Amino acid sequence: AAKARFAEDPNNKGEVTVTASLTEDMLISESSDREEPVKVPYSDLTNHFITKHYYMIRTKEKMVYAFKKGSFTVGKEDDFIPFIQQIIDKNKRKGN
């Protein structure tokens, strides 16, 4: 989808800025190539995994959100995965 958006924008230099925020009840992803933010309720989070450079969160719709290690600007990065795991465990108990 992003590749198609790049192709449609003649002024695009191949750069997209993405920010993600965690609120009390959802993940909000904002991107310089979208007009509206994507809002993902915590109840949609199903799994997480970690790579060498990223923390990854998967949703019910099999969408994956990547958070680059070392790029957190607010909060403690060490608290991120325990927080996400707590949400995923809660969803599993509820049967989500």
N, C-alpha and C. Protein backbone atom coordinates (compact mmCIF):
# COMPACT_ATOMS: atom_id res chain seq x y z
N ALA A 1 0.83 -1.20 0.00
CA ALA A 1 0.00 0.00 0.00
C ALA A 1 0.87 1.25 0.00
N ALA A 2 1.91 1.25 0.82
CA ALA A 2 2.79 2.43 0.87
C ALA A 2 3.48 2.64 -0.46
N LYS A 3 3.87 1.56 -1.10
CA LYS A 3 4.53 1.66 -2.40
C LYS A 3 3.62 2.32 -3.42
N ALA A 4 2.34 1.97 -3.41
CA ALA A 4 1.37 2.58 -4.32
C ALA A 4 1.21 4.06 -4.02
N ARG A 5 1.20 4.44 -2.75
CA ARG A 5 1.08 5.86 -2.38
C ARG A 5 2.29 6.64 -2.87
N PHE A 6 3.48 6.05 -2.76
CA PHE A 6 4.68 6.71 -3.26
C PHE A 6 4.56 6.98 -4.74
N ALA A 7 4.09 6.00 -5.49
CA ALA A 7 3.98 6.12 -6.94
C ALA A 7 2.99 7.21 -7.34
N GLU A 8 1.96 7.42 -6.52
CA GLU A 8 0.93 8.41 -6.84
C GLU A 8 1.37 9.83 -6.54
N ASP A 9 2.36 10.02 -5.71
CA ASP A 9 2.77 11.36 -5.28
C ASP A 9 4.05 11.76 -6.01
N PRO A 10 3.96 12.66 -6.99
CA PRO A 10 5.14 13.03 -7.76
C PRO A 10 6.17 13.83 -6.95
N ASN A 11 5.78 14.38 -5.81
CA ASN A 11 6.70 15.16 -4.98
C ASN A 11 7.39 14.33 -3.90
N ASN A 12 7.03 13.05 -3.82
CA ASN A 12 7.56 12.20 -2.77
C ASN A 12 9.03 11.90 -3.05
N LYS A 13 9.86 12.07 -2.04
CA LYS A 13 11.28 11.78 -2.17
C LYS A 13 11.62 10.44 -1.53
N GLY A 14 10.60 9.62 -1.28
CA GLY A 14 10.84 8.31 -0.69
C GLY A 14 10.93 8.30 0.81
N GLU A 15 10.57 9.40 1.44
CA GLU A 15 10.65 9.47 2.89
C GLU A 15 9.26 9.59 3.50
N VAL A 16 9.02 8.79 4.52
CA VAL A 16 7.77 8.84 5.26
C VAL A 16 8.12 8.89 6.74
N THR A 17 7.52 9.83 7.45
CA THR A 17 7.72 9.93 8.89
C THR A 17 6.54 9.28 9.58
N VAL A 18 6.82 8.35 10.48
CA VAL A 18 5.77 7.64 11.21
C VAL A 18 6.02 7.81 12.69
N THR A 19 4.96 8.14 13.42
CA THR A 19 5.04 8.18 14.88
C THR A 19 3.93 7.31 15.43
N ALA A 20 4.20 6.71 16.56
CA ALA A 20 3.20 5.89 17.23
C ALA A 20 3.13 6.33 18.68
N SER A 21 1.91 6.38 19.18
CA SER A 21 1.68 6.76 20.57
C SER A 21 0.82 5.69 21.22
N LEU A 22 1.08 5.44 22.48
CA LEU A 22 0.25 4.53 23.27
C LEU A 22 -0.52 5.38 24.26
N THR A 23 -1.83 5.32 24.18
CA THR A 23 -2.67 6.05 25.12
C THR A 23 -3.15 5.06 26.19
N GLU A 24 -4.13 5.45 26.95
CA GLU A 24 -4.67 4.55 27.97
C GLU A 24 -5.35 3.34 27.37
N ASP A 25 -5.90 3.46 26.14
CA ASP A 25 -6.68 2.35 25.60
C ASP A 25 -6.42 2.01 24.14
N MET A 26 -5.43 2.69 23.51
CA MET A 26 -5.18 2.37 22.10
C MET A 26 -3.80 2.78 21.64
N LEU A 27 -3.40 2.20 20.52
CA LEU A 27 -2.19 2.58 19.81
C LEU A 27 -2.62 3.51 18.69
N ILE A 28 -1.96 4.63 18.55
CA ILE A 28 -2.28 5.59 17.49
C ILE A 28 -1.05 5.73 16.61
N SER A 29 -1.21 5.42 15.33
CA SER A 29 -0.12 5.51 14.37
C SER A 29 -0.40 6.65 13.40
N GLU A 30 0.53 7.60 13.34
CA GLU A 30 0.39 8.73 12.42
C GLU A 30 1.53 8.67 11.41
N SER A 31 1.22 8.99 10.17
CA SER A 31 2.21 8.90 9.10
C SER A 31 2.11 10.13 8.20
N SER A 32 3.26 10.58 7.72
CA SER A 32 3.28 11.77 6.86
C SER A 32 2.62 11.50 5.50
N ASP A 33 2.37 10.25 5.17
CA ASP A 33 1.71 9.95 3.89
C ASP A 33 0.23 9.61 4.05
N ARG A 34 -0.33 9.85 5.24
CA ARG A 34 -1.76 9.62 5.49
C ARG A 34 -2.35 10.87 6.12
N GLU A 35 -3.59 11.15 5.77
CA GLU A 35 -4.25 12.32 6.37
C GLU A 35 -4.78 12.02 7.76
N GLU A 36 -5.29 10.81 7.97
CA GLU A 36 -5.88 10.44 9.25
C GLU A 36 -5.01 9.42 9.97
N PRO A 37 -4.92 9.52 11.29
CA PRO A 37 -4.16 8.50 12.03
C PRO A 37 -4.90 7.17 12.05
N VAL A 38 -4.15 6.11 12.23
CA VAL A 38 -4.72 4.79 12.41
C VAL A 38 -4.83 4.56 13.92
N LYS A 39 -6.03 4.20 14.36
CA LYS A 39 -6.25 3.96 15.78
C LYS A 39 -6.54 2.48 15.99
N VAL A 40 -5.73 1.85 16.85
CA VAL A 40 -5.86 0.43 17.10
C VAL A 40 -6.17 0.22 18.58
N PRO A 41 -7.38 -0.24 18.90
CA PRO A 41 -7.71 -0.50 20.30
C PRO A 41 -6.83 -1.62 20.85
N TYR A 42 -6.47 -1.52 22.10
CA TYR A 42 -5.64 -2.57 22.71
C TYR A 42 -6.29 -3.94 22.61
N SER A 43 -7.60 -3.99 22.55
CA SER A 43 -8.29 -5.28 22.45
C SER A 43 -7.96 -5.99 21.13
N ASP A 44 -7.39 -5.28 20.15
CA ASP A 44 -7.01 -5.88 18.87
C ASP A 44 -5.60 -6.44 18.86
N LEU A 45 -4.81 -6.22 19.90
CA LEU A 45 -3.44 -6.71 19.94
C LEU A 45 -3.43 -8.20 20.27
N THR A 46 -2.69 -8.99 19.47
CA THR A 46 -2.71 -10.44 19.66
C THR A 46 -1.35 -11.05 19.98
N ASN A 47 -0.27 -10.40 19.57
CA ASN A 47 1.04 -11.01 19.75
C ASN A 47 2.12 -9.94 19.65
N HIS A 48 3.29 -10.27 20.14
CA HIS A 48 4.45 -9.39 19.94
C HIS A 48 5.67 -10.26 19.71
N PHE A 49 6.64 -9.71 19.05
CA PHE A 49 7.93 -10.38 18.89
C PHE A 49 9.00 -9.33 18.76
N ILE A 50 10.23 -9.75 18.94
CA ILE A 50 11.36 -8.84 18.97
C ILE A 50 12.40 -9.31 17.96
N THR A 51 12.90 -8.36 17.17
CA THR A 51 14.00 -8.65 16.26
C THR A 51 15.24 -7.92 16.76
N LYS A 52 16.30 -7.99 16.02
CA LYS A 52 17.54 -7.33 16.43
C LYS A 52 17.35 -5.82 16.58
N HIS A 53 16.53 -5.22 15.72
CA HIS A 53 16.38 -3.76 15.73
C HIS A 53 14.98 -3.25 16.06
N TYR A 54 14.00 -4.15 16.16
CA TYR A 54 12.61 -3.70 16.32
C TYR A 54 11.84 -4.50 17.36
N TYR A 55 10.85 -3.82 17.94
CA TYR A 55 9.78 -4.46 18.69
C TYR A 55 8.58 -4.50 17.74
N MET A 56 7.94 -5.63 17.61
CA MET A 56 6.83 -5.77 16.66
C MET A 56 5.57 -6.19 17.42
N ILE A 57 4.45 -5.58 17.03
CA ILE A 57 3.15 -5.92 17.63
C ILE A 57 2.21 -6.31 16.50
N ARG A 58 1.54 -7.45 16.66
CA ARG A 58 0.59 -7.92 15.64
C ARG A 58 -0.83 -7.75 16.15
N THR A 59 -1.74 -7.42 15.22
CA THR A 59 -3.15 -7.23 15.57
C THR A 59 -4.00 -8.39 15.03
N LYS A 60 -5.27 -8.39 15.41
CA LYS A 60 -6.23 -9.40 14.92
C LYS A 60 -6.26 -9.45 13.40
N GLU A 61 -6.11 -8.31 12.76
CA GLU A 61 -6.17 -8.22 11.30
C GLU A 61 -4.85 -8.61 10.66
N LYS A 62 -3.91 -9.11 11.48
CA LYS A 62 -2.57 -9.52 11.04
C LYS A 62 -1.73 -8.34 10.53
N MET A 63 -2.07 -7.16 10.97
CA MET A 63 -1.25 -5.98 10.71
C MET A 63 -0.14 -5.98 11.74
N VAL A 64 1.07 -5.57 11.34
CA VAL A 64 2.20 -5.53 12.27
C VAL A 64 2.69 -4.10 12.38
N TYR A 65 2.86 -3.66 13.61
CA TYR A 65 3.40 -2.33 13.89
C TYR A 65 4.80 -2.52 14.45
N ALA A 66 5.76 -1.83 13.88
CA ALA A 66 7.16 -1.96 14.28
C ALA A 66 7.60 -0.70 15.02
N PHE A 67 8.32 -0.91 16.10
CA PHE A 67 8.87 0.17 16.90
C PHE A 67 10.38 -0.02 16.96
N LYS A 68 11.11 0.91 16.38
CA LYS A 68 12.57 0.78 16.32
C LYS A 68 13.17 0.92 17.71
N LYS A 69 14.03 -0.01 18.05
CA LYS A 69 14.72 0.06 19.33
C LYS A 69 15.56 1.33 19.38
N GLY A 70 15.55 1.98 20.53
CA GLY A 70 16.33 3.19 20.70
C GLY A 70 15.67 4.46 20.19
N SER A 71 14.44 4.34 19.67
CA SER A 71 13.80 5.53 19.10
C SER A 71 12.69 6.10 19.98
N PHE A 72 12.52 5.56 21.17
CA PHE A 72 11.46 6.04 22.05
C PHE A 72 11.80 7.44 22.55
N THR A 73 10.82 8.33 22.49
CA THR A 73 11.06 9.70 22.93
C THR A 73 10.34 10.01 24.25
N VAL A 74 9.38 9.19 24.62
CA VAL A 74 8.65 9.38 25.87
C VAL A 74 8.53 8.03 26.55
N GLY A 75 8.66 7.99 27.83
CA GLY A 75 8.54 6.74 28.57
C GLY A 75 9.84 5.97 28.56
N LYS A 76 9.83 4.84 29.26
CA LYS A 76 11.02 4.00 29.36
C LYS A 76 10.88 2.82 28.40
N GLU A 77 11.84 2.70 27.52
CA GLU A 77 11.81 1.62 26.53
C GLU A 77 11.74 0.25 27.21
N ASP A 78 12.41 0.09 28.34
CA ASP A 78 12.41 -1.20 29.05
C ASP A 78 11.02 -1.59 29.55
N ASP A 79 10.13 -0.63 29.68
CA ASP A 79 8.77 -0.91 30.15
C ASP A 79 7.82 -1.28 29.02
N PHE A 80 8.24 -1.10 27.77
CA PHE A 80 7.36 -1.27 26.62
C PHE A 80 6.85 -2.70 26.46
N ILE A 81 7.75 -3.66 26.36
CA ILE A 81 7.32 -5.05 26.13
C ILE A 81 6.53 -5.60 27.32
N PRO A 82 6.94 -5.39 28.57
CA PRO A 82 6.08 -5.85 29.66
C PRO A 82 4.67 -5.26 29.61
N PHE A 83 4.57 -3.99 29.23
CA PHE A 83 3.27 -3.34 29.11
C PHE A 83 2.43 -4.01 28.01
N ILE A 84 3.05 -4.23 26.84
CA ILE A 84 2.35 -4.87 25.72
C ILE A 84 1.98 -6.30 26.08
N GLN A 85 2.88 -7.02 26.74
CA GLN A 85 2.59 -8.41 27.12
C GLN A 85 1.41 -8.47 28.08
N GLN A 86 1.32 -7.53 28.98
CA GLN A 86 0.20 -7.47 29.92
C GLN A 86 -1.12 -7.29 29.16
N ILE A 87 -1.14 -6.45 28.15
CA ILE A 87 -2.34 -6.24 27.34
C ILE A 87 -2.71 -7.50 26.58
N ILE A 88 -1.72 -8.14 25.97
CA ILE A 88 -1.97 -9.37 25.18
C ILE A 88 -2.47 -10.48 26.09
N ASP A 89 -1.87 -10.63 27.27
CA ASP A 89 -2.34 -11.64 28.22
C ASP A 89 -3.78 -11.39 28.64
N LYS A 90 -4.13 -10.14 28.87
CA LYS A 90 -5.49 -9.77 29.24
C LYS A 90 -6.45 -10.13 28.10
N ASN A 91 -6.06 -9.84 26.85
CA ASN A 91 -6.89 -10.18 25.69
C ASN A 91 -7.10 -11.67 25.57
N LYS A 92 -6.05 -12.47 25.84
CA LYS A 92 -6.17 -13.93 25.76
C LYS A 92 -7.12 -14.45 26.83
N ARG A 93 -7.06 -13.87 28.01
CA ARG A 93 -7.97 -14.30 29.09
C ARG A 93 -9.43 -13.99 28.73
N LYS A 94 -9.64 -12.87 28.03
CA LYS A 94 -10.99 -12.49 27.61
C LYS A 94 -11.47 -13.26 26.40
N GLY A 95 -10.53 -13.97 25.74
CA GLY A 95 -10.91 -14.71 24.55
C GLY A 95 -10.88 -13.90 23.29
N ASN A 96 -10.21 -12.75 23.30
CA ASN A 96 -10.10 -11.90 22.09
C ASN A 96 -9.17 -12.52 21.09
